[in-house]
Amino acid sequence: MLIHIAKKEALEHLKSFRFLVAFIFIITTFFVMMFTRHFDYGSKRDDYLLRIKSQEIALEKYTSYSGNTAIDRPIIPPSPMEAIIDSAIMVGPGHSLDGDPVVALNIKLDMIALVGILGGLLALLLSYDAINREVNEGTVRLLLSTGVPRIKIILGKILGGSLVAILPIAIIFLITSIWLAITGGHSSDLNQWVSLLGIFLVSVFYIMFFYCLGTFVSSVVLDQTLSAFACFGVWIMFVIIVPALSPNIARSVVVVPDIGSINRQISHMLNTEYNETFGRLLPPLLAQGLSMTEAQAKMKPELDIVVQSVTTRANAMREGYKNATTRQNKLSINLACISPYSIYLVAVEELSGLSFERSQHIDSLVSSWQAIAREYMTHQYNETRKSNPEFRSSDRMDVSGMPRFKYVEPSIGYKLSHALQYILLLTAYFLLLPFMFVYAQYSKRRLF
């Protein structure tokens, strides 16, 4: 009987006009999005290759020991997942939410926003009258009269309706997989395919949650119009209101100083302390009959100490700013995760490798590489000095053997470990629904 109810529910939805309209709209939007993302990713990839080529030319012609910036700013390639998913839900470490707090909405033209927004809305559109329509038409009484338990009726409708709601999402992921295999050089990258599979499974779970939620509303609100408004209100709250409020609350709780003000303070400290020290040391040395060059050479050790002191404090101020922005962004994410929509976005972005933690992963790779590159530069400079004592640190060096930066995608284990807490949180939301059904069933007003 459970399978029979599920089949009946699925067929009714497949034949309904509202599903047909929603299906066409979602698939059309997806193709427009995919077309846009394809050229966007392509331009990023071309820009990356051009910058790599320019960097190689600069390393060959202009690199010196004292003026090398190639090891300070490595070029990060665009992730293949950026072809279907935009950047992380929040700005990232070192960037405050003050500039654009609405970034937390993450309403962008990508596949995940499409699934998160339209997929959830489709599930509610199909489920808002799943129970109350049967009650108002009297068909549910016929089922109950045959001895079918209420729980089987509910589960059958959820199973059949969820499969229909998942159908356009499954088609989207199928087309995406084919598109990635044809257009990208990623068909052999197991990491990307496992990530895509994980994203699809989380998406299925997310759609089922919204269908169950709509079914619950339709079982306690027997008026179909009120049920539709209630479901739409829930969608508005989860998809728009909560994500929009979270960054503003985070900005109020964690105050981040203005980065421009910090840079001005650092510049003021350096100029003031350097000039004061210079002005204090120079007159006595000149009074001793030293030339300006000799006086500057004699002052250099103490001036270097001043510069080092200011640099240490400046680094501490910048690190404090970065830590504050990290706390602000993480608080905003945690507040937004009151909504299952935000939970879904963060879980998917963690699985894709484009999450908030990606910057930390990149920082770790860059730090390791910079240590190796600087060691190579120092060794190359010292060896050159041995053969040519006249060689200066500003002269061009041969760095053809310097190890180049290579970006390594986070492992599946790394992605899953960061996504797991959000998947469990979405599961907890899902598990709340049975308790809500049971409470409604055995409260003063029984379900249908």
Protein backbone atom coordinates (compact mmCIF):
# COMPACT_ATOMS: atom_id res chain seq x y z
CA MET A 1 0.00 0.00 0.00
CA LEU A 2 2.90 2.37 0.76
CA ILE A 3 4.31 1.92 -2.76
CA HIS A 4 0.83 2.30 -4.26
CA ILE A 5 0.31 5.64 -2.46
CA ALA A 6 3.78 6.80 -3.53
CA LYS A 7 3.11 5.93 -7.18
CA LYS A 8 -0.27 7.66 -7.12
CA GLU A 9 1.26 10.81 -5.58
CA ALA A 10 4.12 10.85 -8.10
CA LEU A 11 1.82 10.43 -11.10
CA GLU A 12 -0.51 13.18 -9.91
CA HIS A 13 2.40 15.60 -9.58
CA LEU A 14 3.91 14.65 -12.94
CA LYS A 15 0.57 15.38 -14.62
CA SER A 16 0.02 18.66 -12.75
CA PHE A 17 0.36 22.00 -14.52
CA ARG A 18 2.30 23.61 -11.66
CA PHE A 19 5.03 20.94 -11.86
CA LEU A 20 5.30 21.34 -15.64
CA VAL A 21 5.69 25.12 -15.34
CA ALA A 22 8.19 24.83 -12.48
CA PHE A 23 10.15 22.13 -14.32
CA ILE A 24 10.47 24.22 -17.50
CA PHE A 25 11.43 27.31 -15.50
CA ILE A 26 14.12 25.49 -13.47
CA ILE A 27 15.67 23.75 -16.49
CA THR A 28 15.63 26.95 -18.55
CA THR A 29 17.24 28.91 -15.72
CA PHE A 30 19.84 26.18 -15.37
CA PHE A 31 20.84 26.37 -19.05
CA VAL A 32 21.13 30.16 -18.85
CA MET A 33 23.25 29.79 -15.72
CA MET A 34 25.42 27.09 -17.25
CA PHE A 35 26.02 29.20 -20.35
CA THR A 36 27.09 32.14 -18.19
CA ARG A 37 29.26 30.06 -15.85
CA HIS A 38 30.96 28.34 -18.77
CA PHE A 39 32.29 31.61 -20.19
CA ASP A 40 33.04 33.01 -16.75
CA TYR A 41 35.18 30.01 -15.82
CA GLY A 42 36.78 30.01 -19.27
CA SER A 43 37.83 33.65 -18.88
CA LYS A 44 39.27 32.93 -15.42
CA ARG A 45 41.22 29.99 -16.80
CA ASP A 46 42.58 32.03 -19.71
CA ASP A 47 43.55 34.83 -17.34
CA TYR A 48 45.35 32.34 -15.09
CA LEU A 49 47.36 30.91 -17.99
CA LEU A 50 48.24 34.40 -19.21
CA ARG A 51 49.43 35.43 -15.74
CA ILE A 52 51.53 32.28 -15.43
CA LYS A 53 53.17 33.04 -18.77
CA SER A 54 53.84 36.65 -17.73
CA GLN A 55 55.28 35.47 -14.43
CA GLU A 56 57.67 33.10 -16.21
CA ILE A 57 58.87 35.94 -18.44
CA ALA A 58 59.37 38.17 -15.39
CA LEU A 59 61.30 35.45 -13.57
CA GLU A 60 63.54 34.96 -16.57
CA LYS A 61 64.29 38.62 -17.24
CA TYR A 62 63.86 40.67 -14.09
CA THR A 63 64.23 38.54 -10.97
CA SER A 64 66.74 39.69 -8.35
CA TYR A 65 67.39 38.60 -4.78
CA SER A 66 66.19 41.88 -3.26
CA GLY A 67 63.37 42.63 -5.69
CA ASN A 68 61.68 39.29 -6.27
CA THR A 69 57.91 39.45 -5.79
CA ALA A 70 57.09 36.20 -7.58
CA ILE A 71 57.41 34.23 -4.35
CA ASP A 72 55.27 36.70 -2.42
CA ARG A 73 52.21 36.50 -4.65
CA PRO A 74 51.77 33.04 -6.17
CA ILE A 75 49.08 32.68 -8.81
CA ILE A 76 46.14 30.50 -7.73
CA PRO A 77 44.32 28.63 -10.53
CA PRO A 78 40.52 28.72 -10.66
CA SER A 79 38.92 25.57 -9.31
CA PRO A 80 37.09 23.38 -11.86
CA MET A 81 34.10 23.49 -9.50
CA GLU A 82 33.83 27.23 -10.15
CA ALA A 83 32.25 26.29 -13.46
CA ILE A 84 29.10 25.35 -11.52
CA ILE A 85 29.56 26.93 -8.08
CA ASP A 86 30.42 30.50 -7.22
CA SER A 87 32.81 31.55 -4.47
CA ALA A 88 32.25 30.87 -0.77
CA ILE A 89 29.20 32.01 1.16
CA MET A 90 31.20 34.59 3.11
CA VAL A 91 33.95 36.98 2.12
CA GLY A 92 36.79 35.15 3.88
CA PRO A 93 39.61 35.85 6.35
CA GLY A 94 41.05 39.34 6.14
CA HIS A 95 37.87 40.82 4.68
CA SER A 96 35.21 42.47 6.76
CA LEU A 97 31.48 42.22 6.13
CA ASP A 98 31.21 46.01 6.37
CA GLY A 99 31.64 46.49 2.64
CA ASP A 100 28.90 44.16 1.43
CA PRO A 101 26.94 42.39 4.18
CA VAL A 102 24.33 41.17 1.69
CA VAL A 103 27.01 38.78 0.38
CA ALA A 104 25.66 36.28 2.92
CA LEU A 105 22.55 35.86 0.78
CA ASN A 106 24.74 34.19 -1.85
CA ILE A 107 21.99 34.75 -4.44
CA LYS A 108 24.24 34.30 -7.46
CA LEU A 109 23.85 32.71 -10.84
CA ASP A 110 25.22 29.27 -9.97
CA MET A 111 23.85 25.77 -9.83
CA ILE A 112 23.82 25.53 -6.04
CA ALA A 113 21.82 28.73 -5.61
CA LEU A 114 19.44 27.38 -8.25
CA VAL A 115 18.94 24.13 -6.34
CA GLY A 116 18.84 25.83 -2.95
CA ILE A 117 16.31 28.51 -3.91
CA LEU A 118 14.18 27.01 -6.66
CA GLY A 119 14.54 23.39 -5.55
CA GLY A 120 13.25 24.15 -2.07
CA LEU A 121 10.46 26.31 -3.49
CA LEU A 122 9.43 23.53 -5.90
CA ALA A 123 9.26 21.02 -3.03
CA LEU A 124 6.97 23.34 -1.06
CA LEU A 125 4.90 24.11 -4.16
CA LEU A 126 4.21 20.41 -4.64
CA SER A 127 3.64 19.56 -0.98
CA TYR A 128 1.63 22.45 0.45
CA ASP A 129 -1.64 20.60 -0.31
CA ALA A 130 -0.39 17.02 -0.15
CA ILE A 131 -2.62 16.14 2.83
CA ASN A 132 -5.30 18.84 3.13
CA ARG A 133 -6.33 18.35 -0.52
CA GLU A 134 -7.06 14.69 0.22
CA VAL A 135 -8.90 15.67 3.41
CA ASN A 136 -11.06 18.27 1.65
CA GLU A 137 -11.87 15.87 -1.21
CA GLY A 138 -12.68 13.08 1.26
CA THR A 139 -10.34 10.53 -0.36
CA VAL A 140 -8.22 10.23 2.77
CA ARG A 141 -11.24 8.86 4.67
CA LEU A 142 -11.58 6.12 2.08
CA LEU A 143 -7.96 5.13 2.67
CA LEU A 144 -8.38 5.19 6.43
CA SER A 145 -11.52 3.08 6.18
CA THR A 146 -9.48 0.30 4.55
CA GLY A 147 -7.25 0.15 7.61
CA VAL A 148 -4.24 2.00 6.14
CA PRO A 149 -2.36 3.69 9.01
CA ARG A 150 -1.93 7.46 8.85
CA ILE A 151 1.84 7.05 8.96
CA LYS A 152 1.79 5.01 5.73
CA ILE A 153 -0.31 7.65 4.00
CA ILE A 154 2.14 10.36 5.02
CA LEU A 155 5.24 8.33 4.14
CA GLY A 156 3.78 7.30 0.78
CA LYS A 157 3.03 10.88 -0.15
CA ILE A 158 6.46 12.05 0.99
CA LEU A 159 8.20 9.30 -0.96
CA GLY A 160 6.28 9.83 -4.20
CA GLY A 161 6.29 13.62 -4.03
CA SER A 162 9.98 13.84 -3.13
CA LEU A 163 10.94 11.73 -6.14
CA VAL A 164 9.09 14.14 -8.43
CA ALA A 165 10.63 17.20 -6.72
CA ILE A 166 14.09 15.64 -7.09
CA LEU A 167 13.58 14.87 -10.81
CA PRO A 168 14.64 18.28 -12.23
CA ILE A 169 17.56 18.38 -9.79
CA ALA A 170 18.71 14.94 -10.95
CA ILE A 171 18.50 16.09 -14.59
CA ILE A 172 20.53 19.19 -13.74
CA PHE A 173 23.30 17.11 -12.15
CA LEU A 174 23.27 14.65 -15.05
CA ILE A 175 23.68 17.44 -17.60
CA THR A 176 26.37 19.03 -15.42
CA SER A 177 28.32 15.76 -15.28
CA ILE A 178 28.16 15.36 -19.06
CA TRP A 179 29.15 18.99 -19.56
CA LEU A 180 32.16 18.69 -17.23
CA ALA A 181 33.28 15.49 -18.93
CA ILE A 182 33.10 17.09 -22.40
CA THR A 183 34.36 20.62 -21.82
CA GLY A 184 36.81 20.22 -18.96
CA GLY A 185 40.07 18.45 -18.49
CA HIS A 186 38.60 17.07 -15.30
CA SER A 187 37.06 13.82 -16.50
CA SER A 188 39.88 11.83 -14.89
CA ASP A 189 39.90 13.82 -11.62
CA LEU A 190 38.33 11.44 -9.12
CA ASN A 191 38.37 14.15 -6.44
CA GLN A 192 36.02 16.35 -8.46
CA TRP A 193 33.63 13.52 -9.35
CA VAL A 194 33.35 12.35 -5.74
CA SER A 195 32.72 15.95 -4.70
CA LEU A 196 29.97 16.26 -7.32
CA LEU A 197 28.38 13.01 -6.13
CA GLY A 198 28.45 14.23 -2.52
CA ILE A 199 26.87 17.53 -3.55
CA PHE A 200 24.10 15.67 -5.38
CA LEU A 201 23.31 13.48 -2.34
CA VAL A 202 23.17 16.50 -0.03
CA SER A 203 20.92 18.24 -2.57
CA VAL A 204 18.55 15.27 -2.58
CA PHE A 205 18.43 15.33 1.21
CA TYR A 206 17.78 19.08 1.17
CA ILE A 207 14.86 18.77 -1.31
CA MET A 208 13.34 15.93 0.72
CA PHE A 209 13.51 18.08 3.85
CA PHE A 210 11.48 20.85 2.22
CA TYR A 211 8.96 18.38 0.84
CA CYS A 212 8.52 16.84 4.29
CA LEU A 213 8.16 20.31 5.77
CA GLY A 214 5.46 21.21 3.25
CA THR A 215 3.67 17.93 3.94
CA PHE A 216 3.67 18.68 7.65
CA VAL A 217 2.21 22.15 7.05
CA SER A 218 -0.50 20.68 4.80
CA SER A 219 -1.41 18.16 7.49
CA VAL A 220 -1.93 20.72 10.25
CA VAL A 221 -3.34 23.58 8.14
CA LEU A 222 -6.37 22.10 6.40
CA ASP A 223 -7.18 25.23 4.40
CA GLN A 224 -5.21 24.95 1.19
CA THR A 225 -4.83 28.70 0.67
CA LEU A 226 -3.54 29.25 4.18
CA SER A 227 -1.25 26.26 3.77
CA ALA A 228 0.22 27.78 0.59
CA PHE A 229 0.83 31.11 2.33
CA ALA A 230 2.36 29.34 5.33
CA CYS A 231 4.78 27.38 3.12
CA PHE A 232 5.74 30.51 1.19
CA GLY A 233 6.32 32.33 4.48
CA VAL A 234 8.59 29.53 5.69
CA TRP A 235 10.53 29.70 2.43
CA ILE A 236 10.93 33.48 2.72
CA MET A 237 12.17 33.15 6.30
CA PHE A 238 14.68 30.39 5.53
CA VAL A 239 15.99 31.63 2.17
CA ILE A 240 15.92 35.42 2.55
CA ILE A 241 15.31 36.75 6.07
CA VAL A 242 17.69 34.61 8.15
CA PRO A 243 20.64 34.80 5.69
CA ALA A 244 20.12 38.57 5.34
CA LEU A 245 20.05 39.23 9.09
CA SER A 246 23.03 37.07 10.05
CA PRO A 247 25.85 39.30 8.67
CA ASN A 248 24.31 42.42 10.19
CA ILE A 249 24.09 40.78 13.61
CA ALA A 250 27.66 39.52 13.24
CA ARG A 251 28.85 43.04 12.41
CA SER A 252 27.24 44.34 15.58
CA VAL A 253 28.66 41.62 17.83
CA VAL A 254 32.19 41.45 16.39
CA VAL A 255 33.42 44.94 15.54
CA VAL A 256 36.25 44.98 13.01
CA PRO A 257 38.43 48.11 12.77
CA ASP A 258 38.76 49.82 9.41
CA ILE A 259 41.74 48.46 7.48
CA GLY A 260 42.47 51.92 6.07
CA SER A 261 42.75 53.30 9.61
CA ILE A 262 45.13 50.47 10.56
CA ASN A 263 47.37 51.19 7.58
CA ARG A 264 47.41 54.89 8.44
CA GLN A 265 48.39 54.08 12.03
CA ILE A 266 51.22 51.86 10.82
CA SER A 267 52.47 54.53 8.43
CA HIS A 268 52.26 57.15 11.20
CA MET A 269 54.18 54.93 13.63
CA LEU A 270 56.93 54.25 11.13
CA ASN A 271 57.35 57.87 10.05
CA THR A 272 57.14 59.29 13.55
CA GLU A 273 59.45 56.84 15.32
CA TYR A 274 61.94 56.68 12.45
CA ASN A 275 62.13 60.47 12.12
CA GLU A 276 62.37 60.97 15.89
CA THR A 277 65.23 58.48 16.15
CA PHE A 278 66.93 59.92 13.08
CA GLY A 279 66.58 63.45 14.46
CA ARG A 280 67.92 62.40 17.86
CA LEU A 281 70.99 60.56 16.55
CA LEU A 282 72.09 62.73 13.65
CA PRO A 283 73.10 66.07 15.31
CA PRO A 284 75.63 64.53 17.79
CA LEU A 285 77.25 62.53 15.01
CA LEU A 286 77.53 65.56 12.75
CA ALA A 287 78.93 67.52 15.70
CA GLN A 288 81.71 64.93 15.92
CA GLY A 289 82.75 65.89 12.40
CA LEU A 290 81.29 62.86 10.61
CA SER A 291 79.98 63.23 7.10
CA MET A 292 76.30 62.53 6.34
CA THR A 293 77.21 59.19 4.76
CA GLU A 294 79.30 58.18 7.76
CA ALA A 295 76.57 59.33 10.16
CA GLN A 296 73.92 57.33 8.31
CA ALA A 297 76.11 54.23 8.38
CA LYS A 298 76.64 54.65 12.13
CA MET A 299 72.89 55.19 12.75
CA LYS A 300 71.79 52.24 10.60
CA PRO A 301 71.81 49.53 13.32
CA GLU A 302 69.60 51.57 15.63
CA LEU A 303 67.32 52.68 12.81
CA ASP A 304 66.98 49.06 11.75
CA ILE A 305 65.87 48.21 15.28
CA VAL A 306 63.18 50.91 15.07
CA VAL A 307 61.97 49.60 11.72
CA GLN A 308 61.93 46.03 13.06
CA SER A 309 59.96 47.13 16.13
CA VAL A 310 57.37 48.96 14.04
CA THR A 311 57.16 46.01 11.63
CA THR A 312 56.51 43.60 14.50
CA ARG A 313 53.70 45.77 15.86
CA ALA A 314 52.29 46.31 12.37
CA ASN A 315 52.19 42.57 11.76
CA ALA A 316 50.43 42.10 15.10
CA MET A 317 47.83 44.73 14.13
CA ARG A 318 47.25 43.10 10.74
CA GLU A 319 47.01 39.67 12.33
CA GLY A 320 44.51 41.03 14.84
CA TYR A 321 42.46 42.47 11.99
CA LYS A 322 42.53 39.15 10.15
CA ASN A 323 41.49 37.25 13.28
CA ALA A 324 38.64 39.70 13.91
CA THR A 325 37.34 39.34 10.35
CA THR A 326 37.59 35.55 10.68
CA ARG A 327 35.51 35.62 13.88
CA GLN A 328 33.01 37.97 12.25
CA ASN A 329 32.61 35.80 9.16
CA LYS A 330 32.34 32.56 11.14
CA LEU A 331 29.76 34.08 13.47
CA SER A 332 27.76 35.22 10.45
CA ILE A 333 27.93 31.70 9.00
CA ASN A 334 26.85 30.12 12.29
CA LEU A 335 23.93 32.53 12.62
CA ALA A 336 22.89 31.95 9.02
CA CYS A 337 22.89 28.21 9.68
CA ILE A 338 19.70 28.62 11.67
CA SER A 339 18.28 28.27 8.17
CA PRO A 340 18.51 24.90 6.37
CA TYR A 341 19.11 26.84 3.16
CA SER A 342 22.33 28.32 4.57
CA ILE A 343 23.31 24.95 6.02
CA TYR A 344 22.92 23.46 2.57
CA LEU A 345 25.01 26.20 0.94
CA VAL A 346 27.86 25.84 3.42
CA ALA A 347 27.81 22.02 3.25
CA VAL A 348 27.94 22.08 -0.54
CA GLU A 349 30.68 24.69 -0.65
CA GLU A 350 32.72 22.64 1.81
CA LEU A 351 32.29 19.57 -0.40
CA SER A 352 33.24 21.58 -3.49
CA GLY A 353 36.43 22.95 -1.93
CA LEU A 354 35.28 26.57 -2.40
CA SER A 355 34.38 27.17 1.21
CA PHE A 356 35.51 29.65 3.84
CA GLU A 357 38.35 27.26 4.76
CA ARG A 358 39.76 27.32 1.22
CA SER A 359 41.72 30.48 1.99
CA GLN A 360 43.28 28.74 5.00
CA HIS A 361 44.17 25.75 2.83
CA ILE A 362 45.75 28.09 0.28
CA ASP A 363 47.64 29.96 3.03
CA SER A 364 49.10 26.67 4.22
CA LEU A 365 50.23 25.69 0.71
CA VAL A 366 51.67 29.14 0.03
CA SER A 367 53.59 29.26 3.33
CA SER A 368 55.19 25.86 2.67
CA TRP A 369 56.10 26.81 -0.87
CA GLN A 370 57.47 30.25 0.09
CA ALA A 371 59.83 28.68 2.63
CA ILE A 372 61.24 26.36 -0.07
CA ALA A 373 61.40 29.16 -2.68
CA ARG A 374 63.18 31.58 -0.33
CA GLU A 375 65.66 28.89 0.65
CA TYR A 376 66.37 28.31 -3.03
CA MET A 377 66.77 32.06 -3.66
CA THR A 378 69.17 32.46 -0.74
CA HIS A 379 71.24 29.47 -1.85
CA GLN A 380 71.33 30.74 -5.44
CA TYR A 381 72.38 34.22 -4.29
CA ASN A 382 75.16 32.89 -2.07
CA GLU A 383 76.49 30.62 -4.80
CA THR A 384 76.47 33.50 -7.28
CA ARG A 385 78.33 35.71 -4.80
CA LYS A 386 81.01 33.06 -4.39
CA SER A 387 81.74 33.05 -8.10
CA ASN A 388 81.24 36.81 -8.51
CA PRO A 389 81.99 38.95 -5.40
CA GLU A 390 80.83 42.04 -7.28
CA PHE A 391 77.32 40.61 -7.63
CA ARG A 392 74.70 42.77 -5.91
CA SER A 393 71.35 41.74 -4.48
CA SER A 394 69.59 43.97 -7.02
CA ASP A 395 71.28 42.27 -10.01
CA ARG A 396 69.33 39.77 -12.10
CA MET A 397 69.63 36.14 -10.99
CA ASP A 398 69.14 32.84 -12.78
CA VAL A 399 66.12 31.27 -11.05
CA SER A 400 65.16 28.77 -13.74
CA GLY A 401 65.45 25.96 -11.21
CA MET A 402 63.26 27.59 -8.58
CA PRO A 403 60.33 25.32 -7.62
CA ARG A 404 57.10 26.83 -8.96
CA PHE A 405 53.95 27.05 -6.87
CA LYS A 406 51.52 24.23 -7.58
CA TYR A 407 48.01 24.37 -6.17
CA VAL A 408 46.80 21.07 -4.74
CA GLU A 409 43.06 20.54 -4.40
CA PRO A 410 41.94 19.65 -0.84
CA SER A 411 41.48 15.91 -0.42
CA ILE A 412 38.05 14.32 -0.19
CA GLY A 413 38.72 13.57 3.48
CA TYR A 414 39.53 17.23 4.13
CA LYS A 415 36.36 18.40 2.38
CA LEU A 416 34.16 15.82 4.07
CA SER A 417 35.57 16.55 7.53
CA HIS A 418 34.60 20.22 7.17
CA ALA A 419 31.22 19.48 5.57
CA LEU A 420 30.23 16.76 8.05
CA GLN A 421 29.07 19.11 10.82
CA TYR A 422 26.73 20.92 8.42
CA ILE A 423 25.42 17.65 6.96
CA LEU A 424 24.70 16.47 10.52
CA LEU A 425 23.00 19.80 11.27
CA LEU A 426 20.78 19.39 8.19
CA THR A 427 20.06 15.83 9.35
CA ALA A 428 19.04 17.16 12.77
CA TYR A 429 16.60 19.53 11.06
CA PHE A 430 15.21 16.58 9.09
CA LEU A 431 14.82 14.44 12.21
CA LEU A 432 12.79 17.17 13.90
CA LEU A 433 9.94 16.59 11.46
CA PRO A 434 8.91 13.13 12.80
CA PHE A 435 8.65 14.62 16.28
CA MET A 436 6.50 17.42 14.88
CA PHE A 437 4.24 14.88 13.18
CA VAL A 438 3.95 12.79 16.33
CA TYR A 439 3.21 15.83 18.48
CA ALA A 440 0.51 17.02 16.06
CA GLN A 441 -0.93 13.51 15.82
CA TYR A 442 -1.35 13.08 19.57
CA SER A 443 -2.14 16.67 20.48
CA LYS A 444 -5.70 17.86 21.07
CA ARG A 445 -6.18 18.17 17.31
CA ARG A 446 -5.22 14.96 15.52
CA LEU A 447 -3.76 14.99 12.02
CA PHE A 448 -6.64 14.79 9.51
